[in-house]
Amino acid sequence: MINLIIGIIGMILILMAFILDEFVDKFNQNTLQYNLTNILGSGLLTYYAYTLNSVPFIILNIAWFLAAGYKLIRIVRK
């Protein structure tokens, strides 16, 4: 049950980042908050996918995690 809750929280974080990016000008792909939300969400979803032994879902979320992490590093270095 706890794994499901972790997965739901991860999904909510990623969807929240997407929706806020669409409708709030100050929350976009070039902000620290957006990328941290995606990193946390994809990290939780990677864990959830691992508990399900879902390789495609694991790969998708690792890629999402790495992309957001790369972008976050670029933002912090500026």
PDB file of N, CA and C in Angstrom:
ATOM      1  N   MET A   1       0.814  -1.194   0.000  1.00  0.00           N
ATOM      2  CA  MET A   1       0.000   0.000   0.000  1.00  0.00           C
ATOM      3  C   MET A   1       0.865   1.269   0.000  1.00  0.00           C
ATOM      4  N   ILE A   2       1.951   1.249   0.759  1.00  0.00           N
ATOM      5  CA  ILE A   2       2.828   2.418   0.814  1.00  0.00           C
ATOM      6  C   ILE A   2       3.453   2.694  -0.559  1.00  0.00           C
ATOM      7  N   ASN A   3       3.743   1.617  -1.314  1.00  0.00           N
ATOM      8  CA  ASN A   3       4.302   1.803  -2.659  1.00  0.00           C
ATOM      9  C   ASN A   3       3.320   2.534  -3.565  1.00  0.00           C
ATOM     10  N   LEU A   4       2.056   2.202  -3.455  1.00  0.00           N
ATOM     11  CA  LEU A   4       1.031   2.871  -4.250  1.00  0.00           C
ATOM     12  C   LEU A   4       0.958   4.353  -3.886  1.00  0.00           C
ATOM     13  N   ILE A   5       1.025   4.662  -2.613  1.00  0.00           N
ATOM     14  CA  ILE A   5       0.990   6.056  -2.165  1.00  0.00           C
ATOM     15  C   ILE A   5       2.199   6.822  -2.709  1.00  0.00           C
ATOM     16  N   ILE A   6       3.372   6.189  -2.681  1.00  0.00           N
ATOM     17  CA  ILE A   6       4.579   6.820  -3.238  1.00  0.00           C
ATOM     18  C   ILE A   6       4.385   7.092  -4.726  1.00  0.00           C
ATOM     19  N   GLY A   7       3.829   6.126  -5.450  1.00  0.00           N
ATOM     20  CA  GLY A   7       3.567   6.310  -6.873  1.00  0.00           C
ATOM     21  C   GLY A   7       2.576   7.424  -7.149  1.00  0.00           C
ATOM     22  N   ILE A   8       1.539   7.500  -6.353  1.00  0.00           N
ATOM     23  CA  ILE A   8       0.535   8.551  -6.523  1.00  0.00           C
ATOM     24  C   ILE A   8       1.145   9.926  -6.251  1.00  0.00           C
ATOM     25  N   ILE A   9       1.953  10.041  -5.217  1.00  0.00           N
ATOM     26  CA  ILE A   9       2.610  11.322  -4.918  1.00  0.00           C
ATOM     27  C   ILE A   9       3.530  11.726  -6.071  1.00  0.00           C
ATOM     28  N   GLY A  10       4.306  10.780  -6.607  1.00  0.00           N
ATOM     29  CA  GLY A  10       5.169  11.061  -7.750  1.00  0.00           C
ATOM     30  C   GLY A  10       4.384  11.540  -8.952  1.00  0.00           C
ATOM     31  N   MET A  11       3.264  10.864  -9.237  1.00  0.00           N
ATOM     32  CA  MET A  11       2.421  11.243 -10.362  1.00  0.00           C
ATOM     33  C   MET A  11       1.846  12.637 -10.162  1.00  0.00           C
ATOM     34  N   ILE A  12       1.388  12.935  -8.949  1.00  0.00           N
ATOM     35  CA  ILE A  12       0.822  14.258  -8.657  1.00  0.00           C
ATOM     36  C   ILE A  12       1.883  15.342  -8.860  1.00  0.00           C
ATOM     37  N   LEU A  13       3.103  15.098  -8.417  1.00  0.00           N
ATOM     38  CA  LEU A  13       4.169  16.097  -8.568  1.00  0.00           C
ATOM     39  C   LEU A  13       4.456  16.389 -10.037  1.00  0.00           C
ATOM     40  N   ILE A  14       4.573  15.347 -10.857  1.00  0.00           N
ATOM     41  CA  ILE A  14       4.863  15.558 -12.279  1.00  0.00           C
ATOM     42  C   ILE A  14       3.698  16.251 -12.974  1.00  0.00           C
ATOM     43  N   LEU A  15       2.474  15.835 -12.673  1.00  0.00           N
ATOM     44  CA  LEU A  15       1.309  16.494 -13.276  1.00  0.00           C
ATOM     45  C   LEU A  15       1.182  17.934 -12.805  1.00  0.00           C
ATOM     46  N   MET A  16       1.484  18.174 -11.533  1.00  0.00           N
ATOM     47  CA  MET A  16       1.434  19.526 -10.997  1.00  0.00           C
ATOM     48  C   MET A  16       2.434  20.425 -11.730  1.00  0.00           C
ATOM     49  N   ALA A  17       3.655  19.926 -11.936  1.00  0.00           N
ATOM     50  CA  ALA A  17       4.665  20.707 -12.653  1.00  0.00           C
ATOM     51  C   ALA A  17       4.193  21.020 -14.072  1.00  0.00           C
ATOM     52  N   PHE A  18       3.624  20.039 -14.736  1.00  0.00           N
ATOM     53  CA  PHE A  18       3.143  20.238 -16.103  1.00  0.00           C
ATOM     54  C   PHE A  18       2.022  21.277 -16.152  1.00  0.00           C
ATOM     55  N   ILE A  19       1.036  21.135 -15.276  1.00  0.00           N
ATOM     56  CA  ILE A  19      -0.106  22.047 -15.277  1.00  0.00           C
ATOM     57  C   ILE A  19       0.327  23.465 -14.907  1.00  0.00           C
ATOM     58  N   LEU A  20       1.179  23.598 -13.905  1.00  0.00           N
ATOM     59  CA  LEU A  20       1.653  24.931 -13.533  1.00  0.00           C
ATOM     60  C   LEU A  20       2.470  25.565 -14.658  1.00  0.00           C
ATOM     61  N   ASP A  21       3.252  24.750 -15.360  1.00  0.00           N
ATOM     62  CA  ASP A  21       4.022  25.261 -16.502  1.00  0.00           C
ATOM     63  C   ASP A  21       3.092  25.801 -17.581  1.00  0.00           C
ATOM     64  N   GLU A  22       1.966  25.161 -17.768  1.00  0.00           N
ATOM     65  CA  GLU A  22       1.013  25.579 -18.799  1.00  0.00           C
ATOM     66  C   GLU A  22       0.273  26.863 -18.438  1.00  0.00           C
ATOM     67  N   PHE A  23      -0.001  27.068 -17.154  1.00  0.00           N
ATOM     68  CA  PHE A  23      -0.914  28.141 -16.770  1.00  0.00           C
ATOM     69  C   PHE A  23      -0.319  29.238 -15.885  1.00  0.00           C
ATOM     70  N   VAL A  24       0.882  29.046 -15.352  1.00  0.00           N
ATOM     71  CA  VAL A  24       1.497  30.051 -14.481  1.00  0.00           C
ATOM     72  C   VAL A  24       2.818  30.493 -15.112  1.00  0.00           C
ATOM     73  N   ASP A  25       2.892  31.755 -15.504  1.00  0.00           N
ATOM     74  CA  ASP A  25       4.064  32.250 -16.219  1.00  0.00           C
ATOM     75  C   ASP A  25       5.358  32.146 -15.416  1.00  0.00           C
ATOM     76  N   LYS A  26       5.286  32.327 -14.109  1.00  0.00           N
ATOM     77  CA  LYS A  26       6.500  32.304 -13.289  1.00  0.00           C
ATOM     78  C   LYS A  26       6.955  30.892 -12.934  1.00  0.00           C
ATOM     79  N   PHE A  27       6.212  29.889 -13.327  1.00  0.00           N
ATOM     80  CA  PHE A  27       6.556  28.495 -13.066  1.00  0.00           C
ATOM     81  C   PHE A  27       6.741  27.824 -14.421  1.00  0.00           C
ATOM     82  N   ASN A  28       7.989  27.764 -14.873  1.00  0.00           N
ATOM     83  CA  ASN A  28       8.230  27.205 -16.202  1.00  0.00           C
ATOM     84  C   ASN A  28       9.487  26.340 -16.195  1.00  0.00           C
ATOM     85  N   GLN A  29       9.845  25.811 -17.346  1.00  0.00           N
ATOM     86  CA  GLN A  29      10.956  24.862 -17.475  1.00  0.00           C
ATOM     87  C   GLN A  29      12.304  25.457 -17.096  1.00  0.00           C
ATOM     88  N   ASN A  30      12.387  26.751 -16.985  1.00  0.00           N
ATOM     89  CA  ASN A  30      13.645  27.404 -16.633  1.00  0.00           C
ATOM     90  C   ASN A  30      13.714  27.809 -15.170  1.00  0.00           C
ATOM     91  N   THR A  31      12.814  27.274 -14.349  1.00  0.00           N
ATOM     92  CA  THR A  31      12.825  27.621 -12.930  1.00  0.00           C
ATOM     93  C   THR A  31      13.302  26.444 -12.087  1.00  0.00           C
ATOM     94  N   LEU A  32      13.887  26.795 -10.974  1.00  0.00           N
ATOM     95  CA  LEU A  32      14.356  25.808 -10.013  1.00  0.00           C
ATOM     96  C   LEU A  32      13.191  24.950  -9.514  1.00  0.00           C
ATOM     97  N   GLN A  33      12.067  25.585  -9.196  1.00  0.00           N
ATOM     98  CA  GLN A  33      10.913  24.884  -8.642  1.00  0.00           C
ATOM     99  C   GLN A  33      10.378  23.819  -9.601  1.00  0.00           C
ATOM    100  N   TYR A  34      10.269  24.171 -10.876  1.00  0.00           N
ATOM    101  CA  TYR A  34       9.748  23.230 -11.876  1.00  0.00           C
ATOM    102  C   TYR A  34      10.624  21.987 -11.940  1.00  0.00           C
ATOM    103  N   ASN A  35      11.913  22.187 -12.026  1.00  0.00           N
ATOM    104  CA  ASN A  35      12.831  21.059 -12.174  1.00  0.00           C
ATOM    105  C   ASN A  35      12.958  20.238 -10.897  1.00  0.00           C
ATOM    106  N   LEU A  36      12.926  20.877  -9.739  1.00  0.00           N
ATOM    107  CA  LEU A  36      12.934  20.122  -8.483  1.00  0.00           C
ATOM    108  C   LEU A  36      11.675  19.272  -8.341  1.00  0.00           C
ATOM    109  N   THR A  37      10.540  19.826  -8.746  1.00  0.00           N
ATOM    110  CA  THR A  37       9.285  19.075  -8.701  1.00  0.00           C
ATOM    111  C   THR A  37       9.365  17.855  -9.608  1.00  0.00           C
ATOM    112  N   ASN A  38       9.919  18.033 -10.805  1.00  0.00           N
ATOM    113  CA  ASN A  38      10.062  16.907 -11.725  1.00  0.00           C
ATOM    114  C   ASN A  38      11.066  15.875 -11.221  1.00  0.00           C
ATOM    115  N   ILE A  39      12.151  16.327 -10.621  1.00  0.00           N
ATOM    116  CA  ILE A  39      13.143  15.392 -10.084  1.00  0.00           C
ATOM    117  C   ILE A  39      12.524  14.544  -8.980  1.00  0.00           C
ATOM    118  N   LEU A  40      11.837  15.195  -8.059  1.00  0.00           N
ATOM    119  CA  LEU A  40      11.220  14.456  -6.966  1.00  0.00           C
ATOM    120  C   LEU A  40      10.132  13.511  -7.483  1.00  0.00           C
ATOM    121  N   GLY A  41       9.285  14.010  -8.357  1.00  0.00           N
ATOM    122  CA  GLY A  41       8.210  13.179  -8.907  1.00  0.00           C
ATOM    123  C   GLY A  41       8.729  11.991  -9.682  1.00  0.00           C
ATOM    124  N   SER A  42       9.702  12.210 -10.548  1.00  0.00           N
ATOM    125  CA  SER A  42      10.235  11.102 -11.346  1.00  0.00           C
ATOM    126  C   SER A  42      11.034  10.130 -10.481  1.00  0.00           C
ATOM    127  N   GLY A  43      11.678  10.634  -9.446  1.00  0.00           N
ATOM    128  CA  GLY A  43      12.379   9.747  -8.522  1.00  0.00           C
ATOM    129  C   GLY A  43      11.410   8.811  -7.807  1.00  0.00           C
ATOM    130  N   LEU A  44      10.306   9.374  -7.329  1.00  0.00           N
ATOM    131  CA  LEU A  44       9.296   8.547  -6.669  1.00  0.00           C
ATOM    132  C   LEU A  44       8.670   7.553  -7.646  1.00  0.00           C
ATOM    133  N   LEU A  45       8.406   8.001  -8.868  1.00  0.00           N
ATOM    134  CA  LEU A  45       7.828   7.094  -9.862  1.00  0.00           C
ATOM    135  C   LEU A  45       8.812   6.021 -10.310  1.00  0.00           C
ATOM    136  N   THR A  46      10.094   6.331 -10.318  1.00  0.00           N
ATOM    137  CA  THR A  46      11.102   5.312 -10.631  1.00  0.00           C
ATOM    138  C   THR A  46      11.072   4.227  -9.565  1.00  0.00           C
ATOM    139  N   TYR A  47      11.020   4.644  -8.308  1.00  0.00           N
ATOM    140  CA  TYR A  47      10.921   3.663  -7.225  1.00  0.00           C
ATOM    141  C   TYR A  47       9.655   2.814  -7.377  1.00  0.00           C
ATOM    142  N   TYR A  48       8.543   3.460  -7.645  1.00  0.00           N
ATOM    143  CA  TYR A  48       7.280   2.737  -7.810  1.00  0.00           C
ATOM    144  C   TYR A  48       7.356   1.757  -8.975  1.00  0.00           C
ATOM    145  N   ALA A  49       7.930   2.191 -10.087  1.00  0.00           N
ATOM    146  CA  ALA A  49       8.074   1.312 -11.251  1.00  0.00           C
ATOM    147  C   ALA A  49       8.964   0.119 -10.918  1.00  0.00           C
ATOM    148  N   TYR A  50       9.989   0.362 -10.121  1.00  0.00           N
ATOM    149  CA  TYR A  50      10.875  -0.726  -9.689  1.00  0.00           C
ATOM    150  C   TYR A  50      10.105  -1.753  -8.864  1.00  0.00           C
ATOM    151  N   THR A  51       9.234  -1.282  -7.978  1.00  0.00           N
ATOM    152  CA  THR A  51       8.458  -2.224  -7.159  1.00  0.00           C
ATOM    153  C   THR A  51       7.498  -3.037  -8.009  1.00  0.00           C
ATOM    154  N   LEU A  52       7.100  -2.488  -9.164  1.00  0.00           N
ATOM    155  CA  LEU A  52       6.226  -3.205 -10.086  1.00  0.00           C
ATOM    156  C   LEU A  52       7.003  -4.058 -11.082  1.00  0.00           C
ATOM    157  N   ASN A  53       8.327  -3.895 -11.085  1.00  0.00           N
ATOM    158  CA  ASN A  53       9.198  -4.561 -12.056  1.00  0.00           C
ATOM    159  C   ASN A  53       8.790  -4.194 -13.489  1.00  0.00           C
ATOM    160  N   SER A  54       8.523  -2.905 -13.691  1.00  0.00           N
ATOM    161  CA  SER A  54       8.084  -2.395 -14.989  1.00  0.00           C
ATOM    162  C   SER A  54       9.240  -1.661 -15.667  1.00  0.00           C
ATOM    163  N   VAL A  55       9.993  -2.401 -16.466  1.00  0.00           N
ATOM    164  CA  VAL A  55      11.202  -1.853 -17.094  1.00  0.00           C
ATOM    165  C   VAL A  55      10.913  -0.634 -17.972  1.00  0.00           C
ATOM    166  N   PRO A  56       9.888  -0.643 -18.832  1.00  0.00           N
ATOM    167  CA  PRO A  56       9.641   0.569 -19.637  1.00  0.00           C
ATOM    168  C   PRO A  56       9.354   1.799 -18.775  1.00  0.00           C
ATOM    169  N   PHE A  57       8.604   1.617 -17.714  1.00  0.00           N
ATOM    170  CA  PHE A  57       8.265   2.712 -16.805  1.00  0.00           C
ATOM    171  C   PHE A  57       9.501   3.177 -16.041  1.00  0.00           C
ATOM    172  N   ILE A  58      10.379   2.260 -15.693  1.00  0.00           N
ATOM    173  CA  ILE A  58      11.645   2.612 -15.025  1.00  0.00           C
ATOM    174  C   ILE A  58      12.498   3.467 -15.956  1.00  0.00           C
ATOM    175  N   ILE A  59      12.643   3.026 -17.197  1.00  0.00           N
ATOM    176  CA  ILE A  59      13.464   3.751 -18.174  1.00  0.00           C
ATOM    177  C   ILE A  59      12.903   5.149 -18.425  1.00  0.00           C
ATOM    178  N   LEU A  60      11.596   5.245 -18.595  1.00  0.00           N
ATOM    179  CA  LEU A  60      10.952   6.545 -18.818  1.00  0.00           C
ATOM    180  C   LEU A  60      11.237   7.506 -17.675  1.00  0.00           C
ATOM    181  N   ASN A  61      11.088   7.049 -16.466  1.00  0.00           N
ATOM    182  CA  ASN A  61      11.262   7.945 -15.323  1.00  0.00           C
ATOM    183  C   ASN A  61      12.722   8.251 -15.026  1.00  0.00           C
ATOM    184  N   ILE A  62      13.623   7.336 -15.313  1.00  0.00           N
ATOM    185  CA  ILE A  62      15.047   7.647 -15.176  1.00  0.00           C
ATOM    186  C   ILE A  62      15.437   8.729 -16.185  1.00  0.00           C
ATOM    187  N   ALA A  63      14.925   8.611 -17.409  1.00  0.00           N
ATOM    188  CA  ALA A  63      15.210   9.629 -18.428  1.00  0.00           C
ATOM    189  C   ALA A  63      14.643  10.981 -17.987  1.00  0.00           C
ATOM    190  N   TRP A  64      13.442  10.981 -17.443  1.00  0.00           N
ATOM    191  CA  TRP A  64      12.805  12.208 -16.963  1.00  0.00           C
ATOM    192  C   TRP A  64      13.633  12.820 -15.832  1.00  0.00           C
ATOM    193  N   PHE A  65      14.078  11.981 -14.908  1.00  0.00           N
ATOM    194  CA  PHE A  65      14.897  12.387 -13.771  1.00  0.00           C
ATOM    195  C   PHE A  65      16.210  13.011 -14.248  1.00  0.00           C
ATOM    196  N   LEU A  66      16.879  12.347 -15.191  1.00  0.00           N
ATOM    197  CA  LEU A  66      18.165  12.840 -15.688  1.00  0.00           C
ATOM    198  C   LEU A  66      18.016  14.156 -16.449  1.00  0.00           C
ATOM    199  N   ALA A  67      16.965  14.269 -17.252  1.00  0.00           N
ATOM    200  CA  ALA A  67      16.741  15.510 -18.000  1.00  0.00           C
ATOM    201  C   ALA A  67      16.483  16.673 -17.053  1.00  0.00           C
ATOM    202  N   ALA A  68      15.648  16.454 -16.056  1.00  0.00           N
ATOM    203  CA  ALA A  68      15.365  17.520 -15.086  1.00  0.00           C
ATOM    204  C   ALA A  68      16.608  17.841 -14.261  1.00  0.00           C
ATOM    205  N   GLY A  69      17.385  16.834 -13.921  1.00  0.00           N
ATOM    206  CA  GLY A  69      18.624  17.056 -13.176  1.00  0.00           C
ATOM    207  C   GLY A  69      19.626  17.862 -13.974  1.00  0.00           C
ATOM    208  N   TYR A  70      19.766  17.527 -15.254  1.00  0.00           N
ATOM    209  CA  TYR A  70      20.672  18.269 -16.138  1.00  0.00           C
ATOM    210  C   TYR A  70      20.248  19.732 -16.233  1.00  0.00           C
ATOM    211  N   LYS A  71      18.952  19.943 -16.421  1.00  0.00           N
ATOM    212  CA  LYS A  71      18.435  21.309 -16.532  1.00  0.00           C
ATOM    213  C   LYS A  71      18.645  22.063 -15.222  1.00  0.00           C
ATOM    214  N   LEU A  72      18.438  21.394 -14.100  1.00  0.00           N
ATOM    215  CA  LEU A  72      18.630  22.016 -12.789  1.00  0.00           C
ATOM    216  C   LEU A  72      20.081  22.454 -12.601  1.00  0.00           C
ATOM    217  N   ILE A  73      21.017  21.611 -12.997  1.00  0.00           N
ATOM    218  CA  ILE A  73      22.443  21.969 -12.904  1.00  0.00           C
ATOM    219  C   ILE A  73      22.741  23.199 -13.736  1.00  0.00           C
ATOM    220  N   ARG A  74      22.195  23.263 -14.933  1.00  0.00           N
ATOM    221  CA  ARG A  74      22.395  24.433 -15.791  1.00  0.00           C
ATOM    222  C   ARG A  74      21.816  25.702 -15.172  1.00  0.00           C
ATOM    223  N   ILE A  75      20.679  25.589 -14.526  1.00  0.00           N
ATOM    224  CA  ILE A  75      20.045  26.748 -13.880  1.00  0.00           C
ATOM    225  C   ILE A  75      20.892  27.220 -12.703  1.00  0.00           C
ATOM    226  N   VAL A  76      21.354  26.283 -11.884  1.00  0.00           N
ATOM    227  CA  VAL A  76      22.121  26.629 -10.702  1.00  0.00           C
ATOM    228  C   VAL A  76      23.461  27.257 -11.080  1.00  0.00           C
ATOM    229  N   ARG A  77      24.064  26.823 -12.166  1.00  0.00           N
ATOM    230  CA  ARG A  77      25.363  27.371 -12.593  1.00  0.00           C
ATOM    231  C   ARG A  77      25.270  28.786 -13.121  1.00  0.00           C
ATOM    232  N   LYS A  78      24.096  29.229 -13.512  1.00  0.00           N
ATOM    233  CA  LYS A  78      23.935  30.598 -14.045  1.00  0.00           C
ATOM    234  C   LYS A  78      24.050  31.643 -12.976  1.00  0.00           C
TER     235      LYS A  78
END
